[in-house]
PDB file of N, CA and C in Angstrom:
ATOM      1  N   MET A   1      41.538   6.203 -31.803  1.00  0.00           N
ATOM      2  CA  MET A   1      41.313   5.635 -30.367  1.00  0.00           C
ATOM      3  C   MET A   1      42.759   4.988 -30.009  1.00  0.00           C
ATOM      4  N   SER A   2      43.247   5.580 -28.948  1.00  0.00           N
ATOM      5  CA  SER A   2      44.691   5.200 -28.404  1.00  0.00           C
ATOM      6  C   SER A   2      44.408   3.822 -27.933  1.00  0.00           C
ATOM      7  N   SER A   3      45.666   3.000 -27.881  1.00  0.00           N
ATOM      8  CA  SER A   3      45.632   1.712 -27.325  1.00  0.00           C
ATOM      9  C   SER A   3      45.287   1.570 -25.792  1.00  0.00           C
ATOM     10  N   ALA A   4      45.823   2.682 -25.071  1.00  0.00           N
ATOM     11  CA  ALA A   4      45.288   2.839 -23.594  1.00  0.00           C
ATOM     12  C   ALA A   4      43.879   3.007 -23.362  1.00  0.00           C
ATOM     13  N   THR A   5      43.231   3.780 -24.340  1.00  0.00           N
ATOM     14  CA  THR A   5      41.797   4.051 -24.207  1.00  0.00           C
ATOM     15  C   THR A   5      41.033   2.831 -24.476  1.00  0.00           C
ATOM     16  N   LEU A   6      41.461   1.980 -25.599  1.00  0.00           N
ATOM     17  CA  LEU A   6      40.844   0.770 -25.970  1.00  0.00           C
ATOM     18  C   LEU A   6      41.015  -0.128 -24.881  1.00  0.00           C
ATOM     19  N   ALA A   7      42.195  -0.395 -24.245  1.00  0.00           N
ATOM     20  CA  ALA A   7      42.342  -1.368 -23.288  1.00  0.00           C
ATOM     21  C   ALA A   7      41.556  -0.978 -21.973  1.00  0.00           C
ATOM     22  N   SER A   8      41.426   0.396 -21.681  1.00  0.00           N
ATOM     23  CA  SER A   8      40.548   0.921 -20.520  1.00  0.00           C
ATOM     24  C   SER A   8      39.116   0.388 -20.934  1.00  0.00           C
ATOM     25  N   ALA A   9      38.533   0.630 -22.078  1.00  0.00           N
ATOM     26  CA  ALA A   9      37.142   0.247 -22.444  1.00  0.00           C
ATOM     27  C   ALA A   9      36.976  -1.167 -22.178  1.00  0.00           C
ATOM     28  N   GLN A  10      38.157  -2.125 -22.735  1.00  0.00           N
ATOM     29  CA  GLN A  10      37.868  -3.520 -22.508  1.00  0.00           C
ATOM     30  C   GLN A  10      37.749  -3.940 -21.200  1.00  0.00           C
ATOM     31  N   VAL A  11      38.517  -3.305 -20.338  1.00  0.00           N
ATOM     32  CA  VAL A  11      38.541  -3.717 -18.992  1.00  0.00           C
ATOM     33  C   VAL A  11      37.093  -3.282 -18.347  1.00  0.00           C
ATOM     34  N   ALA A  12      36.660  -2.214 -18.609  1.00  0.00           N
ATOM     35  CA  ALA A  12      35.333  -1.620 -18.277  1.00  0.00           C
ATOM     36  C   ALA A  12      34.243  -2.784 -18.741  1.00  0.00           C
ATOM     37  N   ASN A  13      34.363  -2.929 -20.001  1.00  0.00           N
ATOM     38  CA  ASN A  13      33.435  -4.080 -20.606  1.00  0.00           C
ATOM     39  C   ASN A  13      33.201  -5.279 -19.801  1.00  0.00           C
ATOM     40  N   ILE A  14      34.568  -5.890 -19.444  1.00  0.00           N
ATOM     41  CA  ILE A  14      34.626  -7.020 -18.797  1.00  0.00           C
ATOM     42  C   ILE A  14      33.911  -6.773 -17.389  1.00  0.00           C
ATOM     43  N   GLN A  15      34.278  -5.857 -16.719  1.00  0.00           N
ATOM     44  CA  GLN A  15      33.670  -5.593 -15.481  1.00  0.00           C
ATOM     45  C   GLN A  15      32.154  -5.532 -15.395  1.00  0.00           C
ATOM     46  N   VAL A  16      31.575  -4.886 -16.411  1.00  0.00           N
ATOM     47  CA  VAL A  16      30.272  -4.818 -16.534  1.00  0.00           C
ATOM     48  C   VAL A  16      29.481  -6.047 -16.874  1.00  0.00           C
ATOM     49  N   THR A  17      30.427  -6.741 -17.790  1.00  0.00           N
ATOM     50  CA  THR A  17      29.822  -8.225 -18.087  1.00  0.00           C
ATOM     51  C   THR A  17      29.906  -9.212 -16.864  1.00  0.00           C
ATOM     52  N   THR A  18      30.752  -8.996 -15.975  1.00  0.00           N
ATOM     53  CA  THR A  18      30.902  -9.914 -14.714  1.00  0.00           C
ATOM     54  C   THR A  18      29.869  -9.463 -13.812  1.00  0.00           C
ATOM     55  N   VAL A  19      29.590  -8.071 -13.666  1.00  0.00           N
ATOM     56  CA  VAL A  19      28.560  -7.700 -12.692  1.00  0.00           C
ATOM     57  C   VAL A  19      27.211  -8.399 -13.345  1.00  0.00           C
ATOM     58  N   TRP A  20      26.839  -8.277 -14.551  1.00  0.00           N
ATOM     59  CA  TRP A  20      25.888  -8.713 -15.037  1.00  0.00           C
ATOM     60  C   TRP A  20      25.613 -10.336 -14.979  1.00  0.00           C
ATOM     61  N   SER A  21      26.634 -10.943 -15.076  1.00  0.00           N
ATOM     62  CA  SER A  21      26.801 -12.404 -14.932  1.00  0.00           C
ATOM     63  C   SER A  21      26.152 -12.694 -13.672  1.00  0.00           C
ATOM     64  N   GLN A  22      26.818 -11.876 -12.596  1.00  0.00           N
ATOM     65  CA  GLN A  22      26.655 -12.190 -11.149  1.00  0.00           C
ATOM     66  C   GLN A  22      25.171 -11.896 -10.848  1.00  0.00           C
ATOM     67  N   VAL A  23      24.786 -10.972 -11.434  1.00  0.00           N
ATOM     68  CA  VAL A  23      23.141 -10.622 -11.109  1.00  0.00           C
ATOM     69  C   VAL A  23      22.335 -11.575 -11.764  1.00  0.00           C
ATOM     70  N   ALA A  24      22.662 -12.021 -12.814  1.00  0.00           N
ATOM     71  CA  ALA A  24      21.770 -12.973 -13.691  1.00  0.00           C
ATOM     72  C   ALA A  24      21.792 -14.464 -12.966  1.00  0.00           C
ATOM     73  N   ARG A  25      22.967 -14.772 -12.379  1.00  0.00           N
ATOM     74  CA  ARG A  25      23.320 -16.024 -11.535  1.00  0.00           C
ATOM     75  C   ARG A  25      22.250 -15.928 -10.368  1.00  0.00           C
ATOM     76  N   SER A  26      22.368 -14.744  -9.624  1.00  0.00           N
ATOM     77  CA  SER A  26      21.678 -14.706  -8.324  1.00  0.00           C
ATOM     78  C   SER A  26      20.260 -14.838  -8.444  1.00  0.00           C
ATOM     79  N   LEU A  27      19.602 -14.063  -9.806  1.00  0.00           N
ATOM     80  CA  LEU A  27      18.293 -14.006 -10.227  1.00  0.00           C
ATOM     81  C   LEU A  27      17.829 -15.481 -10.612  1.00  0.00           C
ATOM     82  N   CYS A  28      18.910 -16.277 -11.251  1.00  0.00           N
ATOM     83  CA  CYS A  28      18.560 -17.563 -11.515  1.00  0.00           C
ATOM     84  C   CYS A  28      18.437 -18.599 -10.249  1.00  0.00           C
ATOM     85  N   ILE A  29      19.232 -18.257  -9.331  1.00  0.00           N
ATOM     86  CA  ILE A  29      19.189 -18.906  -8.097  1.00  0.00           C
ATOM     87  C   ILE A  29      17.946 -18.926  -7.429  1.00  0.00           C
ATOM     88  N   ARG A  30      17.576 -17.506  -7.358  1.00  0.00           N
ATOM     89  CA  ARG A  30      16.254 -17.098  -6.675  1.00  0.00           C
ATOM     90  C   ARG A  30      15.025 -17.791  -7.538  1.00  0.00           C
ATOM     91  N   HIS A  31      15.046 -17.763  -8.706  1.00  0.00           N
ATOM     92  CA  HIS A  31      14.124 -18.189  -9.483  1.00  0.00           C
ATOM     93  C   HIS A  31      13.782 -19.717  -9.378  1.00  0.00           C
ATOM     94  N   ASN A  32      15.142 -20.426  -9.193  1.00  0.00           N
ATOM     95  CA  ASN A  32      15.060 -21.895  -9.202  1.00  0.00           C
ATOM     96  C   ASN A  32      14.984 -22.250  -7.808  1.00  0.00           C
ATOM     97  N   ALA A  33      14.634 -21.309  -6.830  1.00  0.00           N
ATOM     98  CA  ALA A  33      14.629 -21.951  -5.374  1.00  0.00           C
ATOM     99  C   ALA A  33      13.679 -23.123  -5.332  1.00  0.00           C
ATOM    100  N   ARG A  34      13.785 -24.040  -4.428  1.00  0.00           N
ATOM    101  CA  ARG A  34      13.089 -25.026  -4.102  1.00  0.00           C
ATOM    102  C   ARG A  34      11.495 -24.748  -4.187  1.00  0.00           C
ATOM    103  N   MET A  35      10.886 -25.608  -4.750  1.00  0.00           N
ATOM    104  CA  MET A  35       9.283 -25.621  -4.919  1.00  0.00           C
ATOM    105  C   MET A  35       8.875 -25.928  -3.488  1.00  0.00           C
ATOM    106  N   PRO A  36       7.910 -25.201  -3.053  1.00  0.00           N
ATOM    107  CA  PRO A  36       7.041 -25.599  -1.858  1.00  0.00           C
ATOM    108  C   PRO A  36       6.879 -26.872  -1.700  1.00  0.00           C
ATOM    109  N   SER A  37       6.895 -27.764  -0.592  1.00  0.00           N
ATOM    110  CA  SER A  37       6.553 -28.959  -0.637  1.00  0.00           C
ATOM    111  C   SER A  37       5.267 -29.242   0.160  1.00  0.00           C
ATOM    112  N   LYS A  38       5.052 -30.704   0.461  1.00  0.00           N
ATOM    113  CA  LYS A  38       3.986 -31.013   1.134  1.00  0.00           C
ATOM    114  C   LYS A  38       4.009 -30.511   2.759  1.00  0.00           C
ATOM    115  N   ASP A  39       5.308 -30.590   3.036  1.00  0.00           N
ATOM    116  CA  ASP A  39       5.615 -30.238   4.500  1.00  0.00           C
ATOM    117  C   ASP A  39       5.228 -28.798   4.518  1.00  0.00           C
ATOM    118  N   ASP A  40       5.553 -27.893   3.604  1.00  0.00           N
ATOM    119  CA  ASP A  40       5.256 -26.380   3.544  1.00  0.00           C
ATOM    120  C   ASP A  40       3.538 -26.365   3.763  1.00  0.00           C
ATOM    121  N   HIS A  41       2.935 -27.175   2.926  1.00  0.00           N
ATOM    122  CA  HIS A  41       1.452 -27.158   3.027  1.00  0.00           C
ATOM    123  C   HIS A  41       0.949 -27.364   4.411  1.00  0.00           C
ATOM    124  N   GLU A  42       1.556 -28.430   4.930  1.00  0.00           N
ATOM    125  CA  GLU A  42       0.799 -28.711   6.188  1.00  0.00           C
ATOM    126  C   GLU A  42       1.356 -27.901   7.323  1.00  0.00           C
ATOM    127  N   SER A  43       2.406 -27.153   7.155  1.00  0.00           N
ATOM    128  CA  SER A  43       2.766 -26.047   8.149  1.00  0.00           C
ATOM    129  C   SER A  43       1.808 -24.893   7.951  1.00  0.00           C
ATOM    130  N   LEU A  44       1.550 -24.602   6.694  1.00  0.00           N
ATOM    131  CA  LEU A  44       0.697 -23.298   6.543  1.00  0.00           C
ATOM    132  C   LEU A  44      -0.745 -23.661   6.909  1.00  0.00           C
ATOM    133  N   GLN A  45      -1.333 -25.009   6.597  1.00  0.00           N
ATOM    134  CA  GLN A  45      -2.671 -25.518   7.042  1.00  0.00           C
ATOM    135  C   GLN A  45      -2.561 -25.564   8.624  1.00  0.00           C
ATOM    136  N   ARG A  46      -1.677 -25.962   9.381  1.00  0.00           N
ATOM    137  CA  ARG A  46      -1.638 -26.148  10.791  1.00  0.00           C
ATOM    138  C   ARG A  46      -1.716 -24.641  11.527  1.00  0.00           C
ATOM    139  N   LEU A  47      -0.996 -23.678  10.809  1.00  0.00           N
ATOM    140  CA  LEU A  47      -0.891 -22.295  11.190  1.00  0.00           C
ATOM    141  C   LEU A  47      -2.333 -22.020  11.136  1.00  0.00           C
ATOM    142  N   ILE A  48      -3.002 -22.137  10.069  1.00  0.00           N
ATOM    143  CA  ILE A  48      -4.453 -21.745   9.986  1.00  0.00           C
ATOM    144  C   ILE A  48      -5.268 -22.315  11.050  1.00  0.00           C
ATOM    145  N   GLU A  49      -5.382 -23.534  11.186  1.00  0.00           N
ATOM    146  CA  GLU A  49      -6.009 -24.259  12.048  1.00  0.00           C
ATOM    147  C   GLU A  49      -5.930 -23.798  13.575  1.00  0.00           C
ATOM    148  N   THR A  50      -4.591 -23.381  13.731  1.00  0.00           N
ATOM    149  CA  THR A  50      -4.340 -22.644  15.177  1.00  0.00           C
ATOM    150  C   THR A  50      -4.866 -21.522  15.445  1.00  0.00           C
ATOM    151  N   LEU A  51      -4.788 -20.460  14.324  1.00  0.00           N
ATOM    152  CA  LEU A  51      -5.216 -19.223  14.497  1.00  0.00           C
ATOM    153  C   LEU A  51      -6.702 -19.144  14.659  1.00  0.00           C
ATOM    154  N   TYR A  52      -7.378 -20.006  13.848  1.00  0.00           N
ATOM    155  CA  TYR A  52      -8.833 -19.929  13.779  1.00  0.00           C
ATOM    156  C   TYR A  52      -9.410 -20.777  14.700  1.00  0.00           C
ATOM    157  N   ARG A  53      -8.680 -21.504  15.594  1.00  0.00           N
ATOM    158  CA  ARG A  53      -9.324 -22.481  16.531  1.00  0.00           C
ATOM    159  C   ARG A  53     -10.362 -21.574  17.545  1.00  0.00           C
ATOM    160  N   ASP A  54      -9.742 -20.481  17.937  1.00  0.00           N
ATOM    161  CA  ASP A  54     -10.659 -19.523  19.063  1.00  0.00           C
ATOM    162  C   ASP A  54     -11.107 -18.333  18.336  1.00  0.00           C
ATOM    163  N   ASN A  55     -10.679 -17.955  17.063  1.00  0.00           N
ATOM    164  CA  ASN A  55     -11.012 -16.788  16.726  1.00  0.00           C
ATOM    165  C   ASN A  55     -11.786 -16.830  15.343  1.00  0.00           C
ATOM    166  N   GLY A  56     -12.719 -16.030  15.204  1.00  0.00           N
ATOM    167  CA  GLY A  56     -13.594 -15.791  13.946  1.00  0.00           C
ATOM    168  C   GLY A  56     -12.849 -14.995  12.891  1.00  0.00           C
ATOM    169  N   ARG A  57     -11.951 -14.059  13.448  1.00  0.00           N
ATOM    170  CA  ARG A  57     -11.382 -13.230  12.544  1.00  0.00           C
ATOM    171  C   ARG A  57      -9.825 -13.109  12.847  1.00  0.00           C
ATOM    172  N   VAL A  58      -9.045 -13.020  11.943  1.00  0.00           N
ATOM    173  CA  VAL A  58      -7.509 -12.776  12.304  1.00  0.00           C
ATOM    174  C   VAL A  58      -6.935 -11.696  11.623  1.00  0.00           C
ATOM    175  N   LEU A  59      -6.133 -10.644  12.022  1.00  0.00           N
ATOM    176  CA  LEU A  59      -5.517  -9.775  11.394  1.00  0.00           C
ATOM    177  C   LEU A  59      -4.395 -10.183  10.597  1.00  0.00           C
ATOM    178  N   ARG A  60      -4.211  -9.562   9.582  1.00  0.00           N
ATOM    179  CA  ARG A  60      -3.013  -9.927   8.558  1.00  0.00           C
ATOM    180  C   ARG A  60      -1.770  -9.843   9.380  1.00  0.00           C
ATOM    181  N   LEU A  61      -1.452  -8.784  10.274  1.00  0.00           N
ATOM    182  CA  LEU A  61      -0.094  -8.737  10.901  1.00  0.00           C
ATOM    183  C   LEU A  61       0.054  -9.899  11.833  1.00  0.00           C
ATOM    184  N   ASP A  62      -0.995 -10.359  12.551  1.00  0.00           N
ATOM    185  CA  ASP A  62      -0.944 -11.518  13.286  1.00  0.00           C
ATOM    186  C   ASP A  62      -0.623 -12.717  12.868  1.00  0.00           C
ATOM    187  N   PHE A  63      -1.169 -12.854  11.481  1.00  0.00           N
ATOM    188  CA  PHE A  63      -0.993 -14.162  10.554  1.00  0.00           C
ATOM    189  C   PHE A  63       0.608 -14.131  10.165  1.00  0.00           C
ATOM    190  N   ILE A  64       1.077 -13.019   9.804  1.00  0.00           N
ATOM    191  CA  ILE A  64       2.364 -12.859   9.354  1.00  0.00           C
ATOM    192  C   ILE A  64       3.489 -13.158  10.449  1.00  0.00           C
ATOM    193  N   VAL A  65       3.232 -12.632  11.564  1.00  0.00           N
ATOM    194  CA  VAL A  65       4.025 -12.924  12.766  1.00  0.00           C
ATOM    195  C   VAL A  65       4.102 -14.386  13.175  1.00  0.00           C
ATOM    196  N   ARG A  66       3.014 -14.860  13.303  1.00  0.00           N
ATOM    197  CA  ARG A  66       2.945 -16.295  13.706  1.00  0.00           C
ATOM    198  C   ARG A  66       3.562 -17.053  12.620  1.00  0.00           C
ATOM    199  N   ALA A  67       3.395 -16.827  11.237  1.00  0.00           N
ATOM    200  CA  ALA A  67       4.260 -17.532  10.051  1.00  0.00           C
ATOM    201  C   ALA A  67       5.626 -17.434  10.320  1.00  0.00           C
ATOM    202  N   GLU A  68       6.063 -16.208  10.676  1.00  0.00           N
ATOM    203  CA  GLU A  68       7.504 -16.033  10.897  1.00  0.00           C
ATOM    204  C   GLU A  68       7.950 -16.983  12.085  1.00  0.00           C
ATOM    205  N   LEU A  69       7.276 -16.925  13.097  1.00  0.00           N
ATOM    206  CA  LEU A  69       7.644 -17.737  14.274  1.00  0.00           C
ATOM    207  C   LEU A  69       7.542 -19.140  14.175  1.00  0.00           C
ATOM    208  N   THR A  70       6.870 -19.660  13.168  1.00  0.00           N
ATOM    209  CA  THR A  70       6.759 -21.145  12.877  1.00  0.00           C
ATOM    210  C   THR A  70       7.908 -21.623  11.873  1.00  0.00           C
ATOM    211  N   ASP A  71       8.761 -20.752  11.579  1.00  0.00           N
ATOM    212  CA  ASP A  71      10.012 -21.020  10.687  1.00  0.00           C
ATOM    213  C   ASP A  71       9.414 -21.569   9.394  1.00  0.00           C
ATOM    214  N   MET A  72       8.573 -20.945   8.901  1.00  0.00           N
ATOM    215  CA  MET A  72       8.001 -21.115   7.607  1.00  0.00           C
ATOM    216  C   MET A  72       9.216 -20.764   6.537  1.00  0.00           C
ATOM    217  N   THR A  73       9.162 -21.504   5.333  1.00  0.00           N
ATOM    218  CA  THR A  73      10.308 -21.315   4.404  1.00  0.00           C
ATOM    219  C   THR A  73      10.047 -19.816   3.763  1.00  0.00           C
ATOM    220  N   GLU A  74      11.251 -19.431   3.151  1.00  0.00           N
ATOM    221  CA  GLU A  74      11.226 -18.060   2.734  1.00  0.00           C
ATOM    222  C   GLU A  74      10.127 -17.923   1.644  1.00  0.00           C
ATOM    223  N   ASP A  75       9.908 -18.956   0.739  1.00  0.00           N
ATOM    224  CA  ASP A  75       9.106 -18.799  -0.423  1.00  0.00           C
ATOM    225  C   ASP A  75       7.642 -18.751   0.181  1.00  0.00           C
ATOM    226  N   VAL A  76       7.246 -19.603   1.431  1.00  0.00           N
ATOM    227  CA  VAL A  76       5.829 -19.510   1.702  1.00  0.00           C
ATOM    228  C   VAL A  76       5.576 -18.222   2.324  1.00  0.00           C
ATOM    229  N   LEU A  77       6.712 -17.658   3.224  1.00  0.00           N
ATOM    230  CA  LEU A  77       6.600 -16.328   3.730  1.00  0.00           C
ATOM    231  C   LEU A  77       6.343 -15.143   2.745  1.00  0.00           C
ATOM    232  N   ASP A  78       6.940 -15.361   1.533  1.00  0.00           N
ATOM    233  CA  ASP A  78       6.504 -14.513   0.252  1.00  0.00           C
ATOM    234  C   ASP A  78       5.170 -14.690  -0.115  1.00  0.00           C
ATOM    235  N   ILE A  79       4.428 -15.815   0.023  1.00  0.00           N
ATOM    236  CA  ILE A  79       3.176 -15.828  -0.124  1.00  0.00           C
ATOM    237  C   ILE A  79       2.265 -15.269   0.810  1.00  0.00           C
ATOM    238  N   VAL A  80       2.618 -15.446   2.171  1.00  0.00           N
ATOM    239  CA  VAL A  80       2.091 -14.752   3.089  1.00  0.00           C
ATOM    240  C   VAL A  80       2.023 -13.330   3.238  1.00  0.00           C
ATOM    241  N   ASN A  81       3.068 -12.825   2.925  1.00  0.00           N
ATOM    242  CA  ASN A  81       3.357 -11.337   2.848  1.00  0.00           C
ATOM    243  C   ASN A  81       2.664 -10.728   1.651  1.00  0.00           C
ATOM    244  N   LEU A  82       2.188 -11.437   0.821  1.00  0.00           N
ATOM    245  CA  LEU A  82       1.245 -10.914  -0.276  1.00  0.00           C
ATOM    246  C   LEU A  82      -0.159 -10.549   0.092  1.00  0.00           C
ATOM    247  N   LEU A  83      -0.667 -10.971   1.482  1.00  0.00           N
ATOM    248  CA  LEU A  83      -1.904 -10.827   1.847  1.00  0.00           C
ATOM    249  C   LEU A  83      -2.045  -9.232   2.004  1.00  0.00           C
ATOM    250  N   PRO A  84      -3.125  -8.767   1.444  1.00  0.00           N
ATOM    251  CA  PRO A  84      -3.312  -7.160   1.952  1.00  0.00           C
ATOM    252  C   PRO A  84      -3.840  -6.731   3.060  1.00  0.00           C
ATOM    253  N   PRO A  85      -3.539  -5.899   3.790  1.00  0.00           N
ATOM    254  CA  PRO A  85      -3.853  -5.484   4.979  1.00  0.00           C
ATOM    255  C   PRO A  85      -5.489  -5.772   5.332  1.00  0.00           C
ATOM    256  N   GLY A  86      -5.700  -6.148   6.497  1.00  0.00           N
ATOM    257  CA  GLY A  86      -7.165  -6.411   6.664  1.00  0.00           C
ATOM    258  C   GLY A  86      -7.325  -7.495   7.969  1.00  0.00           C
ATOM    259  N   ASN A  87      -8.554  -7.561   8.295  1.00  0.00           N
ATOM    260  CA  ASN A  87      -9.016  -8.468   9.321  1.00  0.00           C
ATOM    261  C   ASN A  87      -9.806  -9.658   8.544  1.00  0.00           C
ATOM    262  N   TYR A  88      -9.196 -10.864   8.585  1.00  0.00           N
ATOM    263  CA  TYR A  88      -9.848 -11.977   7.910  1.00  0.00           C
ATOM    264  C   TYR A  88     -10.457 -12.961   8.402  1.00  0.00           C
ATOM    265  N   THR A  89     -11.735 -13.276   7.738  1.00  0.00           N
ATOM    266  CA  THR A  89     -12.458 -14.545   8.201  1.00  0.00           C
ATOM    267  C   THR A  89     -11.432 -15.519   7.461  1.00  0.00           C
ATOM    268  N   ARG A  90     -11.786 -17.019   8.191  1.00  0.00           N
ATOM    269  CA  ARG A  90     -10.946 -18.032   7.453  1.00  0.00           C
ATOM    270  C   ARG A  90     -11.159 -18.227   6.089  1.00  0.00           C
ATOM    271  N   ALA A  91     -12.428 -17.931   5.578  1.00  0.00           N
ATOM    272  CA  ALA A  91     -12.778 -18.341   4.300  1.00  0.00           C
ATOM    273  C   ALA A  91     -11.973 -17.217   3.356  1.00  0.00           C
ATOM    274  N   ARG A  92     -12.089 -15.995   3.695  1.00  0.00           N
ATOM    275  CA  ARG A  92     -11.279 -14.920   2.901  1.00  0.00           C
ATOM    276  C   ARG A  92      -9.964 -15.161   2.926  1.00  0.00           C
ATOM    277  N   LEU A  93      -9.455 -15.352   4.144  1.00  0.00           N
ATOM    278  CA  LEU A  93      -7.779 -15.641   4.287  1.00  0.00           C
ATOM    279  C   LEU A  93      -7.359 -16.877   3.312  1.00  0.00           C
ATOM    280  N   CYS A  94      -8.242 -17.808   3.260  1.00  0.00           N
ATOM    281  CA  CYS A  94      -7.739 -19.139   2.280  1.00  0.00           C
ATOM    282  C   CYS A  94      -8.030 -18.672   0.927  1.00  0.00           C
ATOM    283  N   ASP A  95      -8.895 -17.881   0.732  1.00  0.00           N
ATOM    284  CA  ASP A  95      -9.167 -17.338  -0.804  1.00  0.00           C
ATOM    285  C   ASP A  95      -7.799 -16.552  -1.094  1.00  0.00           C
ATOM    286  N   GLN A  96      -7.471 -15.586  -0.291  1.00  0.00           N
ATOM    287  CA  GLN A  96      -6.425 -14.719  -0.550  1.00  0.00           C
ATOM    288  C   GLN A  96      -4.938 -15.677  -0.772  1.00  0.00           C
ATOM    289  N   LEU A  97      -4.809 -16.409   0.166  1.00  0.00           N
ATOM    290  CA  LEU A  97      -3.784 -17.172   0.081  1.00  0.00           C
ATOM    291  C   LEU A  97      -3.693 -18.230  -1.314  1.00  0.00           C
ATOM    292  N   ASN A  98      -4.706 -18.876  -1.551  1.00  0.00           N
ATOM    293  CA  ASN A  98      -4.998 -19.632  -2.637  1.00  0.00           C
ATOM    294  C   ASN A  98      -4.727 -18.909  -3.964  1.00  0.00           C
ATOM    295  N   SER A  99      -5.141 -17.707  -3.938  1.00  0.00           N
ATOM    296  CA  SER A  99      -4.936 -16.900  -5.346  1.00  0.00           C
ATOM    297  C   SER A  99      -3.514 -16.506  -5.439  1.00  0.00           C
ATOM    298  N   ALA A 100      -2.629 -16.362  -4.314  1.00  0.00           N
ATOM    299  CA  ALA A 100      -1.314 -16.117  -4.431  1.00  0.00           C
ATOM    300  C   ALA A 100      -0.450 -17.364  -4.749  1.00  0.00           C
ATOM    301  N   ILE A 101      -0.901 -18.444  -4.087  1.00  0.00           N
ATOM    302  CA  ILE A 101      -0.195 -19.760  -4.386  1.00  0.00           C
ATOM    303  C   ILE A 101      -0.506 -20.031  -6.029  1.00  0.00           C
ATOM    304  N   THR A 102      -1.814 -19.874  -6.375  1.00  0.00           N
ATOM    305  CA  THR A 102      -1.814 -20.235  -7.953  1.00  0.00           C
ATOM    306  C   THR A 102      -1.244 -19.081  -8.928  1.00  0.00           C
ATOM    307  N   ALA A 103      -1.151 -17.715  -8.453  1.00  0.00           N
ATOM    308  CA  ALA A 103      -0.442 -16.895  -9.282  1.00  0.00           C
ATOM    309  C   ALA A 103       1.203 -17.282  -9.435  1.00  0.00           C
ATOM    310  N   HIS A 104       1.634 -17.725  -8.072  1.00  0.00           N
ATOM    311  CA  HIS A 104       3.074 -18.209  -8.233  1.00  0.00           C
ATOM    312  C   HIS A 104       3.226 -19.761  -8.991  1.00  0.00           C
ATOM    313  N   GLY A 105       2.212 -20.170  -9.386  1.00  0.00           N
ATOM    314  CA  GLY A 105       2.269 -21.464 -10.015  1.00  0.00           C
ATOM    315  C   GLY A 105       2.572 -22.632  -9.058  1.00  0.00           C
ATOM    316  N   TRP A 106       2.258 -22.548  -7.919  1.00  0.00           N
ATOM    317  CA  TRP A 106       2.718 -23.544  -6.843  1.00  0.00           C
ATOM    318  C   TRP A 106       1.345 -24.464  -6.470  1.00  0.00           C
ATOM    319  N   GLY A 107       0.384 -24.313  -7.027  1.00  0.00           N
ATOM    320  CA  GLY A 107      -0.806 -25.166  -6.750  1.00  0.00           C
ATOM    321  C   GLY A 107      -0.641 -26.556  -6.869  1.00  0.00           C
ATOM    322  N   ARG A 108       0.105 -27.033  -7.799  1.00  0.00           N
ATOM    323  CA  ARG A 108       0.681 -28.614  -7.582  1.00  0.00           C
ATOM    324  C   ARG A 108       1.493 -28.875  -6.549  1.00  0.00           C
ATOM    325  N   SER A 109       2.467 -28.128  -6.378  1.00  0.00           N
ATOM    326  CA  SER A 109       3.396 -28.382  -5.353  1.00  0.00           C
ATOM    327  C   SER A 109       3.099 -28.168  -3.818  1.00  0.00           C
ATOM    328  N   LEU A 110       2.402 -26.914  -3.657  1.00  0.00           N
ATOM    329  CA  LEU A 110       2.120 -26.530  -2.399  1.00  0.00           C
ATOM    330  C   LEU A 110       0.622 -27.071  -2.202  1.00  0.00           C
ATOM    331  N   GLY A 111      -0.163 -26.857  -3.140  1.00  0.00           N
ATOM    332  CA  GLY A 111      -1.455 -27.179  -2.623  1.00  0.00           C
ATOM    333  C   GLY A 111      -2.538 -25.989  -2.121  1.00  0.00           C
ATOM    334  N   THR A 112      -3.560 -26.015  -1.965  1.00  0.00           N
ATOM    335  CA  THR A 112      -4.366 -25.081  -1.647  1.00  0.00           C
ATOM    336  C   THR A 112      -4.880 -25.425  -0.114  1.00  0.00           C
ATOM    337  N   VAL A 113      -5.016 -24.200   0.487  1.00  0.00           N
ATOM    338  CA  VAL A 113      -5.479 -24.295   2.103  1.00  0.00           C
ATOM    339  C   VAL A 113      -6.813 -24.261   2.197  1.00  0.00           C
ATOM    340  N   GLU A 114      -7.371 -24.624   3.397  1.00  0.00           N
ATOM    341  CA  GLU A 114      -8.683 -24.649   3.469  1.00  0.00           C
ATOM    342  C   GLU A 114      -8.935 -24.022   4.966  1.00  0.00           C
TER     343      GLU A 114
END
């Protein structure tokens, strides 16, 4: 192998390593995003209270749009977006949200909704 080929391979290896380092760093930052807080729980609970005040059932799309309008954090919106399509009673919506919260390991920090 010529020295030019070897130098070119080393440069390519450094570029690949740099790209993977950037990917790993961004994944780590996303993974270590702040845990949902009590404020997040209160915002989510208030949203549920508001939506079900006058309605027996709420469409998933309505819930998502209202969550986005209330400036929920990105992590909480991720939970909300996990809802399957449907028309939800309050109990069913809370069960779905609580399942997603538990699956993310946020039961202790975010709590469950009622």
